[in-house]
Amino acid sequence: MLSRAMVRFRTGLDGWANILIRKNDIEQLARRQIAACDACEHQRGMTCGLCGCRLIAKTRERDANCPDSRR
C-alpha cells in the first residue's frame, strides 16, 4: 500500500511530465483547472496556498484533487 506522500509524489510527477510532453487534452484540462485556481482566494501566485503545490504542474495532473474541492 502506497503512503499518501508517495501517491502525491507520483501524481506530481505526472504533472511535471505533462509540462515537458505537451498534449492537447492535457492542455485543455490545465486551462479548465487553472481557471478554477484563478478564482480561488487561496491561490498565492503560481502556488496553491492550501497544499503548497506548484499550479503549473498540479493543473496538468490527470488525477489531481483540489484540497478545497473546487475542481
PDB file of N, CA and C in Angstrom:
ATOM      1  N   MET A   1       0.840  -1.181   0.000  1.00  0.00           N
ATOM      2  CA  MET A   1       0.000   0.000   0.000  1.00  0.00           C
ATOM      3  C   MET A   1       0.885   1.244   0.000  1.00  0.00           C
ATOM      4  N   LEU A   2       0.591   2.170  -0.910  1.00  0.00           N
ATOM      5  CA  LEU A   2       1.386   3.390  -1.017  1.00  0.00           C
ATOM      6  C   LEU A   2       0.967   4.405   0.039  1.00  0.00           C
ATOM      7  N   SER A   3       1.941   5.071   0.588  1.00  0.00           N
ATOM      8  CA  SER A   3       1.648   6.128   1.558  1.00  0.00           C
ATOM      9  C   SER A   3       1.066   7.331   0.825  1.00  0.00           C
ATOM     10  N   ARG A   4       0.434   8.205   1.563  1.00  0.00           N
ATOM     11  CA  ARG A   4      -0.152   9.416   0.984  1.00  0.00           C
ATOM     12  C   ARG A   4       0.919  10.266   0.299  1.00  0.00           C
ATOM     13  N   ALA A   5       2.096  10.359   0.911  1.00  0.00           N
ATOM     14  CA  ALA A   5       3.192  11.136   0.323  1.00  0.00           C
ATOM     15  C   ALA A   5       3.638  10.544  -1.008  1.00  0.00           C
ATOM     16  N   MET A   6       3.694   9.219  -1.086  1.00  0.00           N
ATOM     17  CA  MET A   6       4.108   8.577  -2.336  1.00  0.00           C
ATOM     18  C   MET A   6       3.074   8.791  -3.437  1.00  0.00           C
ATOM     19  N   VAL A   7       1.805   8.736  -3.094  1.00  0.00           N
ATOM     20  CA  VAL A   7       0.752   8.981  -4.084  1.00  0.00           C
ATOM     21  C   VAL A   7       0.859  10.409  -4.592  1.00  0.00           C
ATOM     22  N   ARG A   8       1.055  11.377  -3.688  1.00  0.00           N
ATOM     23  CA  ARG A   8       1.202  12.779  -4.089  1.00  0.00           C
ATOM     24  C   ARG A   8       2.434  12.964  -4.973  1.00  0.00           C
ATOM     25  N   PHE A   9       3.517  12.290  -4.627  1.00  0.00           N
ATOM     26  CA  PHE A   9       4.751  12.373  -5.422  1.00  0.00           C
ATOM     27  C   PHE A   9       4.510  11.833  -6.828  1.00  0.00           C
ATOM     28  N   ARG A  10       3.853  10.674  -6.931  1.00  0.00           N
ATOM     29  CA  ARG A  10       3.603  10.079  -8.244  1.00  0.00           C
ATOM     30  C   ARG A  10       2.681  10.935  -9.096  1.00  0.00           C
ATOM     31  N   THR A  11       1.624  11.498  -8.504  1.00  0.00           N
ATOM     32  CA  THR A  11       0.740  12.346  -9.302  1.00  0.00           C
ATOM     33  C   THR A  11       1.443  13.647  -9.659  1.00  0.00           C
ATOM     34  N   GLY A  12       2.305  14.130  -8.774  1.00  0.00           N
ATOM     35  CA  GLY A  12       3.090  15.324  -9.085  1.00  0.00           C
ATOM     36  C   GLY A  12       4.006  15.103 -10.275  1.00  0.00           C
ATOM     37  N   LEU A  13       4.599  13.916 -10.345  1.00  0.00           N
ATOM     38  CA  LEU A  13       5.448  13.582 -11.491  1.00  0.00           C
ATOM     39  C   LEU A  13       4.654  13.599 -12.783  1.00  0.00           C
ATOM     40  N   ASP A  14       3.417  13.148 -12.723  1.00  0.00           N
ATOM     41  CA  ASP A  14       2.550  13.166 -13.899  1.00  0.00           C
ATOM     42  C   ASP A  14       2.394  14.600 -14.403  1.00  0.00           C
ATOM     43  N   GLY A  15       2.166  15.533 -13.491  1.00  0.00           N
ATOM     44  CA  GLY A  15       2.009  16.936 -13.877  1.00  0.00           C
ATOM     45  C   GLY A  15       3.260  17.507 -14.502  1.00  0.00           C
ATOM     46  N   TRP A  16       4.414  17.252 -13.882  1.00  0.00           N
ATOM     47  CA  TRP A  16       5.683  17.771 -14.430  1.00  0.00           C
ATOM     48  C   TRP A  16       5.999  17.129 -15.777  1.00  0.00           C
ATOM     49  N   ALA A  17       5.707  15.842 -15.930  1.00  0.00           N
ATOM     50  CA  ALA A  17       5.936  15.168 -17.214  1.00  0.00           C
ATOM     51  C   ALA A  17       5.047  15.775 -18.297  1.00  0.00           C
ATOM     52  N   ASN A  18       3.823  16.139 -17.928  1.00  0.00           N
ATOM     53  CA  ASN A  18       2.899  16.730 -18.903  1.00  0.00           C
ATOM     54  C   ASN A  18       3.291  18.144 -19.304  1.00  0.00           C
ATOM     55  N   ILE A  19       4.157  18.780 -18.553  1.00  0.00           N
ATOM     56  CA  ILE A  19       4.705  20.069 -18.971  1.00  0.00           C
ATOM     57  C   ILE A  19       5.720  19.849 -20.091  1.00  0.00           C
ATOM     58  N   LEU A  20       6.513  18.811 -19.935  1.00  0.00           N
ATOM     59  CA  LEU A  20       7.557  18.518 -20.923  1.00  0.00           C
ATOM     60  C   LEU A  20       6.996  17.955 -22.218  1.00  0.00           C
ATOM     61  N   ILE A  21       6.003  17.092 -22.096  1.00  0.00           N
ATOM     62  CA  ILE A  21       5.402  16.439 -23.260  1.00  0.00           C
ATOM     63  C   ILE A  21       3.975  16.966 -23.378  1.00  0.00           C
ATOM     64  N   ARG A  22       3.805  18.004 -24.159  1.00  0.00           N
ATOM     65  CA  ARG A  22       2.513  18.680 -24.276  1.00  0.00           C
ATOM     66  C   ARG A  22       1.543  17.860 -25.125  1.00  0.00           C
ATOM     67  N   LYS A  23       0.333  17.696 -24.595  1.00  0.00           N
ATOM     68  CA  LYS A  23      -0.743  17.015 -25.314  1.00  0.00           C
ATOM     69  C   LYS A  23      -1.970  17.916 -25.247  1.00  0.00           C
ATOM     70  N   ASN A  24      -2.722  17.968 -26.328  1.00  0.00           N
ATOM     71  CA  ASN A  24      -3.873  18.863 -26.396  1.00  0.00           C
ATOM     72  C   ASN A  24      -4.887  18.613 -25.291  1.00  0.00           C
ATOM     73  N   ASP A  25      -5.184  17.340 -24.992  1.00  0.00           N
ATOM     74  CA  ASP A  25      -6.185  17.053 -23.973  1.00  0.00           C
ATOM     75  C   ASP A  25      -5.715  17.501 -22.583  1.00  0.00           C
ATOM     76  N   ILE A  26      -4.438  17.355 -22.303  1.00  0.00           N
ATOM     77  CA  ILE A  26      -3.895  17.787 -21.016  1.00  0.00           C
ATOM     78  C   ILE A  26      -3.895  19.315 -20.931  1.00  0.00           C
ATOM     79  N   GLU A  27      -3.576  19.990 -22.025  1.00  0.00           N
ATOM     80  CA  GLU A  27      -3.581  21.450 -22.021  1.00  0.00           C
ATOM     81  C   GLU A  27      -4.998  21.995 -21.840  1.00  0.00           C
ATOM     82  N   GLN A  28      -6.002  21.330 -22.409  1.00  0.00           N
ATOM     83  CA  GLN A  28      -7.392  21.728 -22.190  1.00  0.00           C
ATOM     84  C   GLN A  28      -7.766  21.536 -20.722  1.00  0.00           C
ATOM     85  N   LEU A  29      -7.356  20.427 -20.143  1.00  0.00           N
ATOM     86  CA  LEU A  29      -7.573  20.163 -18.719  1.00  0.00           C
ATOM     87  C   LEU A  29      -6.913  21.244 -17.872  1.00  0.00           C
ATOM     88  N   ALA A  30      -5.683  21.599 -18.205  1.00  0.00           N
ATOM     89  CA  ALA A  30      -4.945  22.606 -17.446  1.00  0.00           C
ATOM     90  C   ALA A  30      -5.649  23.962 -17.512  1.00  0.00           C
ATOM     91  N   ARG A  31      -6.162  24.336 -18.674  1.00  0.00           N
ATOM     92  CA  ARG A  31      -6.867  25.614 -18.800  1.00  0.00           C
ATOM     93  C   ARG A  31      -8.112  25.652 -17.916  1.00  0.00           C
ATOM     94  N   ARG A  32      -8.863  24.543 -17.895  1.00  0.00           N
ATOM     95  CA  ARG A  32     -10.064  24.487 -17.038  1.00  0.00           C
ATOM     96  C   ARG A  32      -9.685  24.558 -15.562  1.00  0.00           C
ATOM     97  N   GLN A  33      -8.639  23.822 -15.193  1.00  0.00           N
ATOM     98  CA  GLN A  33      -8.263  23.772 -13.789  1.00  0.00           C
ATOM     99  C   GLN A  33      -7.637  25.082 -13.314  1.00  0.00           C
ATOM    100  N   ILE A  34      -6.833  25.725 -14.140  1.00  0.00           N
ATOM    101  CA  ILE A  34      -6.226  26.996 -13.725  1.00  0.00           C
ATOM    102  C   ILE A  34      -7.297  28.081 -13.606  1.00  0.00           C
ATOM    103  N   ALA A  35      -8.378  27.981 -14.392  1.00  0.00           N
ATOM    104  CA  ALA A  35      -9.484  28.937 -14.258  1.00  0.00           C
ATOM    105  C   ALA A  35     -10.107  28.817 -12.863  1.00  0.00           C
ATOM    106  N   ALA A  36     -10.250  27.584 -12.373  1.00  0.00           N
ATOM    107  CA  ALA A  36     -10.774  27.381 -11.018  1.00  0.00           C
ATOM    108  C   ALA A  36      -9.790  27.920  -9.989  1.00  0.00           C
ATOM    109  N   CYS A  37      -8.513  27.724 -10.201  1.00  0.00           N
ATOM    110  CA  CYS A  37      -7.492  28.226  -9.273  1.00  0.00           C
ATOM    111  C   CYS A  37      -7.448  29.751  -9.288  1.00  0.00           C
ATOM    112  N   ASP A  38      -7.596  30.354 -10.461  1.00  0.00           N
ATOM    113  CA  ASP A  38      -7.554  31.818 -10.566  1.00  0.00           C
ATOM    114  C   ASP A  38      -8.691  32.468  -9.792  1.00  0.00           C
ATOM    115  N   ALA A  39      -9.809  31.777  -9.655  1.00  0.00           N
ATOM    116  CA  ALA A  39     -10.960  32.318  -8.927  1.00  0.00           C
ATOM    117  C   ALA A  39     -10.889  32.016  -7.425  1.00  0.00           C
ATOM    118  N   CYS A  40      -9.859  31.343  -6.986  1.00  0.00           N
ATOM    119  CA  CYS A  40      -9.753  30.892  -5.595  1.00  0.00           C
ATOM    120  C   CYS A  40      -8.949  31.883  -4.743  1.00  0.00           C
ATOM    121  N   GLU A  41      -9.455  32.162  -3.564  1.00  0.00           N
ATOM    122  CA  GLU A  41      -8.762  33.085  -2.660  1.00  0.00           C
ATOM    123  C   GLU A  41      -7.505  32.478  -2.033  1.00  0.00           C
ATOM    124  N   HIS A  42      -7.323  31.185  -2.185  1.00  0.00           N
ATOM    125  CA  HIS A  42      -6.153  30.520  -1.605  1.00  0.00           C
ATOM    126  C   HIS A  42      -4.932  30.527  -2.531  1.00  0.00           C
ATOM    127  N   GLN A  43      -5.142  30.910  -3.787  1.00  0.00           N
ATOM    128  CA  GLN A  43      -4.031  30.929  -4.743  1.00  0.00           C
ATOM    129  C   GLN A  43      -3.020  31.988  -4.323  1.00  0.00           C
ATOM    130  N   ARG A  44      -1.764  31.606  -4.321  1.00  0.00           N
ATOM    131  CA  ARG A  44      -0.659  32.508  -3.976  1.00  0.00           C
ATOM    132  C   ARG A  44       0.307  32.526  -5.155  1.00  0.00           C
ATOM    133  N   GLY A  45       0.034  33.411  -6.116  1.00  0.00           N
ATOM    134  CA  GLY A  45       0.848  33.424  -7.334  1.00  0.00           C
ATOM    135  C   GLY A  45       0.609  32.137  -8.102  1.00  0.00           C
ATOM    136  N   MET A  46       1.647  31.393  -8.329  1.00  0.00           N
ATOM    137  CA  MET A  46       1.524  30.106  -9.030  1.00  0.00           C
ATOM    138  C   MET A  46       1.613  28.932  -8.065  1.00  0.00           C
ATOM    139  N   THR A  47       1.214  29.158  -6.817  1.00  0.00           N
ATOM    140  CA  THR A  47       1.243  28.111  -5.796  1.00  0.00           C
ATOM    141  C   THR A  47      -0.116  28.038  -5.123  1.00  0.00           C
ATOM    142  N   CYS A  48      -0.541  26.829  -4.791  1.00  0.00           N
ATOM    143  CA  CYS A  48      -1.766  26.644  -4.015  1.00  0.00           C
ATOM    144  C   CYS A  48      -1.454  26.957  -2.555  1.00  0.00           C
ATOM    145  N   GLY A  49      -2.200  27.875  -1.974  1.00  0.00           N
ATOM    146  CA  GLY A  49      -1.985  28.262  -0.587  1.00  0.00           C
ATOM    147  C   GLY A  49      -2.422  27.196   0.411  1.00  0.00           C
ATOM    148  N   LEU A  50      -3.194  26.208  -0.030  1.00  0.00           N
ATOM    149  CA  LEU A  50      -3.648  25.160   0.871  1.00  0.00           C
ATOM    150  C   LEU A  50      -2.707  23.957   0.900  1.00  0.00           C
ATOM    151  N   CYS A  51      -2.289  23.492  -0.269  1.00  0.00           N
ATOM    152  CA  CYS A  51      -1.451  22.284  -0.296  1.00  0.00           C
ATOM    153  C   CYS A  51       0.010  22.569  -0.628  1.00  0.00           C
ATOM    154  N   GLY A  52       0.298  23.781  -1.140  1.00  0.00           N
ATOM    155  CA  GLY A  52       1.674  24.140  -1.455  1.00  0.00           C
ATOM    156  C   GLY A  52       2.172  23.667  -2.804  1.00  0.00           C
ATOM    157  N   CYS A  53       1.306  23.046  -3.591  1.00  0.00           N
ATOM    158  CA  CYS A  53       1.719  22.549  -4.906  1.00  0.00           C
ATOM    159  C   CYS A  53       1.906  23.697  -5.889  1.00  0.00           C
ATOM    160  N   ARG A  54       2.839  23.517  -6.809  1.00  0.00           N
ATOM    161  CA  ARG A  54       3.036  24.467  -7.903  1.00  0.00           C
ATOM    162  C   ARG A  54       1.918  24.227  -8.909  1.00  0.00           C
ATOM    163  N   LEU A  55       1.159  25.267  -9.223  1.00  0.00           N
ATOM    164  CA  LEU A  55      -0.020  25.123 -10.065  1.00  0.00           C
ATOM    165  C   LEU A  55       0.312  24.781 -11.506  1.00  0.00           C
ATOM    166  N   ILE A  56       1.475  25.157 -11.980  1.00  0.00           N
ATOM    167  CA  ILE A  56       1.864  24.813 -13.357  1.00  0.00           C
ATOM    168  C   ILE A  56       1.858  23.294 -13.553  1.00  0.00           C
ATOM    169  N   ALA A  57       2.253  22.555 -12.534  1.00  0.00           N
ATOM    170  CA  ALA A  57       2.257  21.093 -12.623  1.00  0.00           C
ATOM    171  C   ALA A  57       0.935  20.505 -12.153  1.00  0.00           C
ATOM    172  N   LYS A  58       0.405  21.010 -11.047  1.00  0.00           N
ATOM    173  CA  LYS A  58      -0.817  20.423 -10.483  1.00  0.00           C
ATOM    174  C   LYS A  58      -1.982  20.502 -11.454  1.00  0.00           C
ATOM    175  N   THR A  59      -2.094  21.587 -12.204  1.00  0.00           N
ATOM    176  CA  THR A  59      -3.201  21.720 -13.147  1.00  0.00           C
ATOM    177  C   THR A  59      -3.055  20.795 -14.345  1.00  0.00           C
ATOM    178  N   ARG A  60      -1.905  20.177 -14.499  1.00  0.00           N
ATOM    179  CA  ARG A  60      -1.678  19.235 -15.595  1.00  0.00           C
ATOM    180  C   ARG A  60      -1.676  17.786 -15.120  1.00  0.00           C
ATOM    181  N   GLU A  61      -2.023  17.560 -13.875  1.00  0.00           N
ATOM    182  CA  GLU A  61      -2.149  16.197 -13.352  1.00  0.00           C
ATOM    183  C   GLU A  61      -3.543  15.678 -13.682  1.00  0.00           C
ATOM    184  N   ARG A  62      -3.594  14.482 -14.227  1.00  0.00           N
ATOM    185  CA  ARG A  62      -4.894  13.909 -14.575  1.00  0.00           C
ATOM    186  C   ARG A  62      -5.725  13.588 -13.341  1.00  0.00           C
ATOM    187  N   ASP A  63      -5.102  13.199 -12.254  1.00  0.00           N
ATOM    188  CA  ASP A  63      -5.827  12.772 -11.062  1.00  0.00           C
ATOM    189  C   ASP A  63      -5.692  13.737  -9.891  1.00  0.00           C
ATOM    190  N   ALA A  64      -5.380  14.990 -10.178  1.00  0.00           N
ATOM    191  CA  ALA A  64      -5.196  15.975  -9.106  1.00  0.00           C
ATOM    192  C   ALA A  64      -6.530  16.305  -8.444  1.00  0.00           C
ATOM    193  N   ASN A  65      -6.467  16.495  -7.150  1.00  0.00           N
ATOM    194  CA  ASN A  65      -7.644  16.896  -6.396  1.00  0.00           C
ATOM    195  C   ASN A  65      -7.371  18.241  -5.730  1.00  0.00           C
ATOM    196  N   CYS A  66      -8.356  19.085  -5.762  1.00  0.00           N
ATOM    197  CA  CYS A  66      -8.253  20.371  -5.085  1.00  0.00           C
ATOM    198  C   CYS A  66      -8.503  20.140  -3.595  1.00  0.00           C
ATOM    199  N   PRO A  67      -7.638  20.673  -2.734  1.00  0.00           N
ATOM    200  CA  PRO A  67      -7.857  20.483  -1.298  1.00  0.00           C
ATOM    201  C   PRO A  67      -9.108  21.204  -0.788  1.00  0.00           C
ATOM    202  N   ASP A  68      -9.661  22.109  -1.589  1.00  0.00           N
ATOM    203  CA  ASP A  68     -10.875  22.842  -1.217  1.00  0.00           C
ATOM    204  C   ASP A  68     -12.072  22.376  -2.061  1.00  0.00           C
ATOM    205  N   SER A  69     -11.907  21.279  -2.788  1.00  0.00           N
ATOM    206  CA  SER A  69     -12.961  20.659  -3.616  1.00  0.00           C
ATOM    207  C   SER A  69     -13.563  21.610  -4.645  1.00  0.00           C
ATOM    208  N   ARG A  70     -12.734  22.456  -5.229  1.00  0.00           N
ATOM    209  CA  ARG A  70     -13.225  23.389  -6.252  1.00  0.00           C
ATOM    210  C   ARG A  70     -13.205  22.806  -7.652  1.00  0.00           C
ATOM    211  N   ARG A  71     -12.446  21.768  -7.862  1.00  0.00           N
ATOM    212  CA  ARG A  71     -12.411  21.167  -9.205  1.00  0.00           C
ATOM    213  C   ARG A  71     -12.288  19.683  -9.086  1.00  0.00           C
TER     214      ARG A  71
END
